[in-house]
Each structure stands twice: as structure tokens, then as C-alpha cells.
């Protein structure tokens, strides 16, 4: 009997997803692909934001430290909804740090020291980049008639634009 149970378990692991959705196979594939790339970028942005939060220094330490912590929380809050949207569409999502590294488009920053001004500027540019990527994903979703994902993306775009704006204003010298 244990052999049959093991065989059944192996078969279940190979079973295709059959999540009900009104969108076709091409839509599921294209939208899941766009969202998984975004998810990888959001993970990369989250970690970079926390990295800079942990390594902030200088006369505005407290303000910047708190700003980056707030922004990291906002980014983190987006991770699960992106992944769950992929699953709702019948797609599969990220499985590992390696998978994230293969899909992410935002560059990492492993420098031992980054000035506060450079931290704010780099995060601002990363948020601007992720806005552009979300707009591209919005076009993919809109092209397939996926109004639910386009609606979510519109809100996430607004949140990323807010982060970029705050980083821009915090980094102004004049």
C-alpha cells in the first residue's frame, strides 16, 4: 500500500493546474510572465530598500531611516497580492531566491558604503523603473481583457509614484 500512495503523490506533483479563469491560455501565460518579472523586481526593491534602511547614516539618519522603513513595508505589502494574482489566473509563481535573481531587472547594490544622497537617488530611479515596468504589464493585461489585474496595477503604480516622489523631495538640495 505505501508504494501506491507514493505513486499517487508523484502523479499529483505532475498534475497541471486547472484553476478556473475566463482568460485563455495565452493570457494566463503572458500575464503570469509579466507579473512574475514584477514580483522579482519587487523582491529586489524590497531588499535594497531594507539594505539602505539598515545602512543609513548622516545628519538626517532618523528621517531617512524611518522613510525607508515605511517604503519597505509598502513594497512588502505588494508581494503577496502579486503572487496570488498569478495563482488566481492559473499560473505558477516564484519558487526561490535563484528564481528571483533570474527574473529581476532592477540592479542589486552590494556596495559596502553608499552615501545617503546616493541611496535616495538610486531608490528613486528604481521606483521610476518599476513604474515603467508596471505600465508595460498593464498593457499586457489590458490587451487580454484582464480588468482585475489592470486595476491592481493602477493602484501599485500610484504607490510606486508616491515612493519616487518622496525620495525625490527628500533628496533635493535646493
C-alpha atoms as a PDB file:
ATOM      1  CA  UNK A   1       0.000   0.000   0.000  1.00  0.00           C
ATOM      2  CA  UNK A   2       2.771   2.584   0.690  1.00  0.00           C
ATOM      3  CA  UNK A   3       4.037   2.167  -2.885  1.00  0.00           C
ATOM      4  CA  UNK A   4       0.631   3.126  -4.317  1.00  0.00           C
ATOM      5  CA  UNK A   5       0.484   6.189  -2.063  1.00  0.00           C
ATOM      6  CA  UNK A   6       3.948   7.246  -3.221  1.00  0.00           C
ATOM      7  CA  UNK A   7       2.932   6.781  -6.854  1.00  0.00           C
ATOM      8  CA  UNK A   8      -0.196   8.857  -6.315  1.00  0.00           C
ATOM      9  CA  UNK A   9       1.842  11.604  -4.671  1.00  0.00           C
ATOM     10  CA  UNK A  10       4.223  11.680  -7.647  1.00  0.00           C
ATOM     11  CA  UNK A  11       1.295  11.930 -10.048  1.00  0.00           C
ATOM     12  CA  UNK A  12      -0.233  14.799  -8.093  1.00  0.00           C
ATOM     13  CA  UNK A  13       3.074  16.715  -8.262  1.00  0.00           C
ATOM     14  CA  UNK A  14       2.988  16.437 -12.043  1.00  0.00           C
ATOM     15  CA  UNK A  15      -0.697  17.316 -12.381  1.00  0.00           C
ATOM     16  CA  UNK A  16      -1.307  20.552 -14.299  1.00  0.00           C
ATOM     17  CA  UNK A  17      -3.088  23.405 -12.599  1.00  0.00           C
ATOM     18  CA  UNK A  18      -6.717  23.668 -13.535  1.00  0.00           C
ATOM     19  CA  UNK A  19      -7.565  26.980 -11.909  1.00  0.00           C
ATOM     20  CA  UNK A  20     -10.836  28.218 -13.385  1.00  0.00           C
ATOM     21  CA  UNK A  21     -10.485  31.518 -15.197  1.00  0.00           C
ATOM     22  CA  UNK A  22     -12.274  33.185 -18.058  1.00  0.00           C
ATOM     23  CA  UNK A  23      -8.956  34.098 -19.632  1.00  0.00           C
ATOM     24  CA  UNK A  24      -7.347  31.860 -22.221  1.00  0.00           C
ATOM     25  CA  UNK A  25      -4.036  30.020 -22.119  1.00  0.00           C
ATOM     26  CA  UNK A  26      -2.150  32.832 -23.867  1.00  0.00           C
ATOM     27  CA  UNK A  27      -3.487  35.373 -21.378  1.00  0.00           C
ATOM     28  CA  UNK A  28      -2.523  33.186 -18.440  1.00  0.00           C
ATOM     29  CA  UNK A  29       0.970  32.705 -19.843  1.00  0.00           C
ATOM     30  CA  UNK A  30       1.576  36.353 -20.779  1.00  0.00           C
ATOM     31  CA  UNK A  31       0.102  37.879 -17.642  1.00  0.00           C
ATOM     32  CA  UNK A  32       1.772  35.376 -15.321  1.00  0.00           C
ATOM     33  CA  UNK A  33       5.090  36.062 -17.026  1.00  0.00           C
ATOM     34  CA  UNK A  34       4.706  39.824 -16.670  1.00  0.00           C
ATOM     35  CA  UNK A  35       3.621  39.544 -13.037  1.00  0.00           C
ATOM     36  CA  UNK A  36       6.415  37.135 -12.103  1.00  0.00           C
ATOM     37  CA  UNK A  37       9.002  39.553 -13.518  1.00  0.00           C
ATOM     38  CA  UNK A  38       7.369  42.335 -11.493  1.00  0.00           C
ATOM     39  CA  UNK A  39       7.347  40.141  -8.420  1.00  0.00           C
ATOM     40  CA  UNK A  40      11.084  39.512  -8.797  1.00  0.00           C
ATOM     41  CA  UNK A  41      11.666  43.258  -9.110  1.00  0.00           C
ATOM     42  CA  UNK A  42       9.532  43.968  -6.059  1.00  0.00           C
ATOM     43  CA  UNK A  43      11.577  41.455  -4.045  1.00  0.00           C
ATOM     44  CA  UNK A  44      14.796  43.102  -5.270  1.00  0.00           C
ATOM     45  CA  UNK A  45      13.442  46.575  -4.462  1.00  0.00           C
ATOM     46  CA  UNK A  46      12.267  45.437  -1.037  1.00  0.00           C
ATOM     47  CA  UNK A  47      15.672  44.034  -0.134  1.00  0.00           C
ATOM     48  CA  UNK A  48      17.538  47.066  -1.480  1.00  0.00           C
ATOM     49  CA  UNK A  49      15.231  49.408   0.442  1.00  0.00           C
ATOM     50  CA  UNK A  50      15.817  47.429   3.654  1.00  0.00           C
ATOM     51  CA  UNK A  51      19.570  47.341   2.938  1.00  0.00           C
ATOM     52  CA  UNK A  52      19.665  51.128   2.651  1.00  0.00           C
ATOM     53  CA  UNK A  53      17.391  51.463   5.693  1.00  0.00           C
ATOM     54  CA  UNK A  54      19.823  49.345   7.737  1.00  0.00           C
ATOM     55  CA  UNK A  55      22.888  51.203   6.476  1.00  0.00           C
ATOM     56  CA  UNK A  56      21.597  54.770   6.540  1.00  0.00           C
ATOM     57  CA  UNK A  57      23.845  57.333   8.206  1.00  0.00           C
ATOM     58  CA  UNK A  58      24.327  61.075   8.491  1.00  0.00           C
ATOM     59  CA  UNK A  59      22.528  64.088   9.895  1.00  0.00           C
ATOM     60  CA  UNK A  60      19.130  63.040   8.525  1.00  0.00           C
ATOM     61  CA  UNK A  61      19.537  59.457   9.708  1.00  0.00           C
ATOM     62  CA  UNK A  62      16.286  59.251  11.666  1.00  0.00           C
ATOM     63  CA  UNK A  63      14.095  60.784   8.952  1.00  0.00           C
ATOM     64  CA  UNK A  64      15.611  58.698   6.143  1.00  0.00           C
ATOM     65  CA  UNK A  65      15.720  55.546   8.248  1.00  0.00           C
ATOM     66  CA  UNK A  66      12.006  55.863   9.009  1.00  0.00           C
ATOM     67  CA  UNK A  67      11.139  56.830   5.428  1.00  0.00           C
ATOM     68  CA  UNK A  68      12.865  53.755   4.026  1.00  0.00           C
ATOM     69  CA  UNK A  69      11.265  51.503   6.616  1.00  0.00           C
ATOM     70  CA  UNK A  70       7.833  52.848   5.660  1.00  0.00           C
ATOM     71  CA  UNK A  71       8.606  52.354   1.972  1.00  0.00           C
ATOM     72  CA  UNK A  72       9.882  48.812   2.540  1.00  0.00           C
ATOM     73  CA  UNK A  73       6.613  47.988   4.317  1.00  0.00           C
ATOM     74  CA  UNK A  74       4.655  49.334   1.336  1.00  0.00           C
ATOM     75  CA  UNK A  75       6.705  47.251  -1.098  1.00  0.00           C
ATOM     76  CA  UNK A  76       6.427  44.138   1.070  1.00  0.00           C
ATOM     77  CA  UNK A  77       2.642  44.532   1.222  1.00  0.00           C
ATOM     78  CA  UNK A  78       2.543  44.217  -2.578  1.00  0.00           C
ATOM     79  CA  UNK A  79       4.414  40.897  -2.807  1.00  0.00           C
ATOM     80  CA  UNK A  80       1.629  38.548  -1.765  1.00  0.00           C
ATOM     81  CA  UNK A  81      -1.104  40.179  -3.879  1.00  0.00           C
ATOM     82  CA  UNK A  82       1.094  39.929  -6.994  1.00  0.00           C
ATOM     83  CA  UNK A  83       1.854  36.251  -6.384  1.00  0.00           C
ATOM     84  CA  UNK A  84      -1.744  35.438  -5.522  1.00  0.00           C
ATOM     85  CA  UNK A  85      -2.940  37.144  -8.704  1.00  0.00           C
ATOM     86  CA  UNK A  86      -0.665  34.848 -10.710  1.00  0.00           C
ATOM     87  CA  UNK A  87      -2.142  31.832  -8.926  1.00  0.00           C
ATOM     88  CA  UNK A  88      -5.714  33.060  -9.433  1.00  0.00           C
ATOM     89  CA  UNK A  89      -5.006  33.087 -13.152  1.00  0.00           C
ATOM     90  CA  UNK A  90      -3.745  29.511 -13.028  1.00  0.00           C
ATOM     91  CA  UNK A  91      -0.080  30.358 -13.309  1.00  0.00           C
ATOM     92  CA  UNK A  92       2.822  29.394 -11.115  1.00  0.00           C
ATOM     93  CA  UNK A  93       4.992  31.891  -9.341  1.00  0.00           C
ATOM     94  CA  UNK A  94       8.470  32.350  -7.929  1.00  0.00           C
ATOM     95  CA  UNK A  95       9.981  29.467  -6.021  1.00  0.00           C
ATOM     96  CA  UNK A  96      13.397  30.617  -4.808  1.00  0.00           C
ATOM     97  CA  UNK A  97      15.945  33.396  -4.454  1.00  0.00           C
ATOM     98  CA  UNK A  98      17.620  31.976  -7.570  1.00  0.00           C
ATOM     99  CA  UNK A  99      14.354  32.294  -9.494  1.00  0.00           C
ATOM    100  CA  UNK A 100      14.103  35.927  -8.373  1.00  0.00           C
ATOM    101  CA  UNK A 101      17.692  36.570  -9.494  1.00  0.00           C
ATOM    102  CA  UNK A 102      16.973  35.127 -12.936  1.00  0.00           C
ATOM    103  CA  UNK A 103      13.904  37.326 -13.467  1.00  0.00           C
ATOM    104  CA  UNK A 104      14.742  40.600 -11.738  1.00  0.00           C
ATOM    105  CA  UNK A 105      15.505  43.602 -13.883  1.00  0.00           C
ATOM    106  CA  UNK A 106      16.407  46.034 -11.114  1.00  0.00           C
ATOM    107  CA  UNK A 107      20.116  46.041 -10.293  1.00  0.00           C
ATOM    108  CA  UNK A 108      21.360  44.987  -6.869  1.00  0.00           C
ATOM    109  CA  UNK A 109      23.644  47.202  -4.810  1.00  0.00           C
ATOM    110  CA  UNK A 110      26.201  45.253  -2.788  1.00  0.00           C
ATOM    111  CA  UNK A 111      28.467  48.222  -2.029  1.00  0.00           C
ATOM    112  CA  UNK A 112      29.955  48.397   1.446  1.00  0.00           C
ATOM    113  CA  UNK A 113      29.107  52.104   1.685  1.00  0.00           C
ATOM    114  CA  UNK A 114      26.583  54.230  -0.165  1.00  0.00           C
ATOM    115  CA  UNK A 115      26.026  57.873   0.708  1.00  0.00           C
ATOM    116  CA  UNK A 116      22.540  58.807   1.891  1.00  0.00           C
ATOM    117  CA  UNK A 117      22.053  61.021  -1.184  1.00  0.00           C
ATOM    118  CA  UNK A 118      23.017  58.156  -3.495  1.00  0.00           C
ATOM    119  CA  UNK A 119      20.710  55.773  -1.613  1.00  0.00           C
ATOM    120  CA  UNK A 120      17.737  58.082  -2.093  1.00  0.00           C
ATOM    121  CA  UNK A 121      18.595  58.709  -5.756  1.00  0.00           C
ATOM    122  CA  UNK A 122      19.054  55.011  -6.535  1.00  0.00           C
ATOM    123  CA  UNK A 123      15.795  54.022  -4.854  1.00  0.00           C
ATOM    124  CA  UNK A 124      14.005  56.859  -6.634  1.00  0.00           C
ATOM    125  CA  UNK A 125      15.262  55.598 -10.002  1.00  0.00           C
ATOM    126  CA  UNK A 126      14.350  52.012  -9.101  1.00  0.00           C
ATOM    127  CA  UNK A 127      10.811  53.076  -8.255  1.00  0.00           C
ATOM    128  CA  UNK A 128      10.568  55.038 -11.512  1.00  0.00           C
ATOM    129  CA  UNK A 129      11.779  51.926 -13.368  1.00  0.00           C
ATOM    130  CA  UNK A 130       9.266  49.688 -11.644  1.00  0.00           C
ATOM    131  CA  UNK A 131       6.503  52.147 -12.587  1.00  0.00           C
ATOM    132  CA  UNK A 132       7.519  51.813 -16.244  1.00  0.00           C
ATOM    133  CA  UNK A 133       7.545  48.016 -15.920  1.00  0.00           C
ATOM    134  CA  UNK A 134       4.099  48.055 -14.320  1.00  0.00           C
ATOM    135  CA  UNK A 135       2.797  50.196 -17.170  1.00  0.00           C
ATOM    136  CA  UNK A 136       4.102  47.601 -19.631  1.00  0.00           C
ATOM    137  CA  UNK A 137       2.431  44.835 -17.603  1.00  0.00           C
ATOM    138  CA  UNK A 138      -0.758  46.923 -17.589  1.00  0.00           C
ATOM    139  CA  UNK A 139      -0.692  46.935 -21.403  1.00  0.00           C
ATOM    140  CA  UNK A 140      -0.296  43.141 -21.442  1.00  0.00           C
ATOM    141  CA  UNK A 141      -3.212  42.689 -19.055  1.00  0.00           C
ATOM    142  CA  UNK A 142      -5.380  45.224 -20.837  1.00  0.00           C
ATOM    143  CA  UNK A 143      -4.674  43.536 -24.166  1.00  0.00           C
ATOM    144  CA  UNK A 144      -6.024  40.287 -22.759  1.00  0.00           C
ATOM    145  CA  UNK A 145      -9.055  41.939 -21.143  1.00  0.00           C
ATOM    146  CA  UNK A 146      -7.853  41.257 -17.588  1.00  0.00           C
ATOM    147  CA  UNK A 147      -9.524  44.191 -15.850  1.00  0.00           C
ATOM    148  CA  UNK A 148      -8.837  42.854 -12.348  1.00  0.00           C
ATOM    149  CA  UNK A 149      -5.062  42.831 -12.810  1.00  0.00           C
ATOM    150  CA  UNK A 150      -5.071  46.177 -14.620  1.00  0.00           C
ATOM    151  CA  UNK A 151      -6.950  47.661 -11.666  1.00  0.00           C
ATOM    152  CA  UNK A 152      -4.431  46.272  -9.195  1.00  0.00           C
ATOM    153  CA  UNK A 153      -1.551  47.574 -11.291  1.00  0.00           C
ATOM    154  CA  UNK A 154      -3.076  51.051 -11.351  1.00  0.00           C
ATOM    155  CA  UNK A 155      -3.027  51.156  -7.556  1.00  0.00           C
ATOM    156  CA  UNK A 156       0.519  49.755  -7.365  1.00  0.00           C
ATOM    157  CA  UNK A 157       1.681  52.333  -9.920  1.00  0.00           C
ATOM    158  CA  UNK A 158       0.236  55.091  -7.748  1.00  0.00           C
ATOM    159  CA  UNK A 159       2.025  53.708  -4.674  1.00  0.00           C
ATOM    160  CA  UNK A 160       5.368  53.474  -6.520  1.00  0.00           C
ATOM    161  CA  UNK A 161       4.964  57.003  -7.887  1.00  0.00           C
ATOM    162  CA  UNK A 162       4.363  58.193  -4.322  1.00  0.00           C
ATOM    163  CA  UNK A 163       7.553  56.454  -3.156  1.00  0.00           C
ATOM    164  CA  UNK A 164       9.517  58.043  -6.022  1.00  0.00           C
ATOM    165  CA  UNK A 165       8.079  61.461  -5.201  1.00  0.00           C
ATOM    166  CA  UNK A 166       9.005  61.189  -1.507  1.00  0.00           C
ATOM    167  CA  UNK A 167      12.523  60.048  -2.404  1.00  0.00           C
ATOM    168  CA  UNK A 168      12.852  62.912  -4.872  1.00  0.00           C
ATOM    169  CA  UNK A 169      11.732  65.514  -2.336  1.00  0.00           C
ATOM    170  CA  UNK A 170      13.855  64.038   0.473  1.00  0.00           C
ATOM    171  CA  UNK A 171      16.923  64.108  -1.770  1.00  0.00           C
ATOM    172  CA  UNK A 172      16.529  67.687  -3.026  1.00  0.00           C
ATOM    173  CA  UNK A 173      19.345  70.039  -2.153  1.00  0.00           C
ATOM    174  CA  UNK A 174      17.636  73.233  -3.309  1.00  0.00           C
END
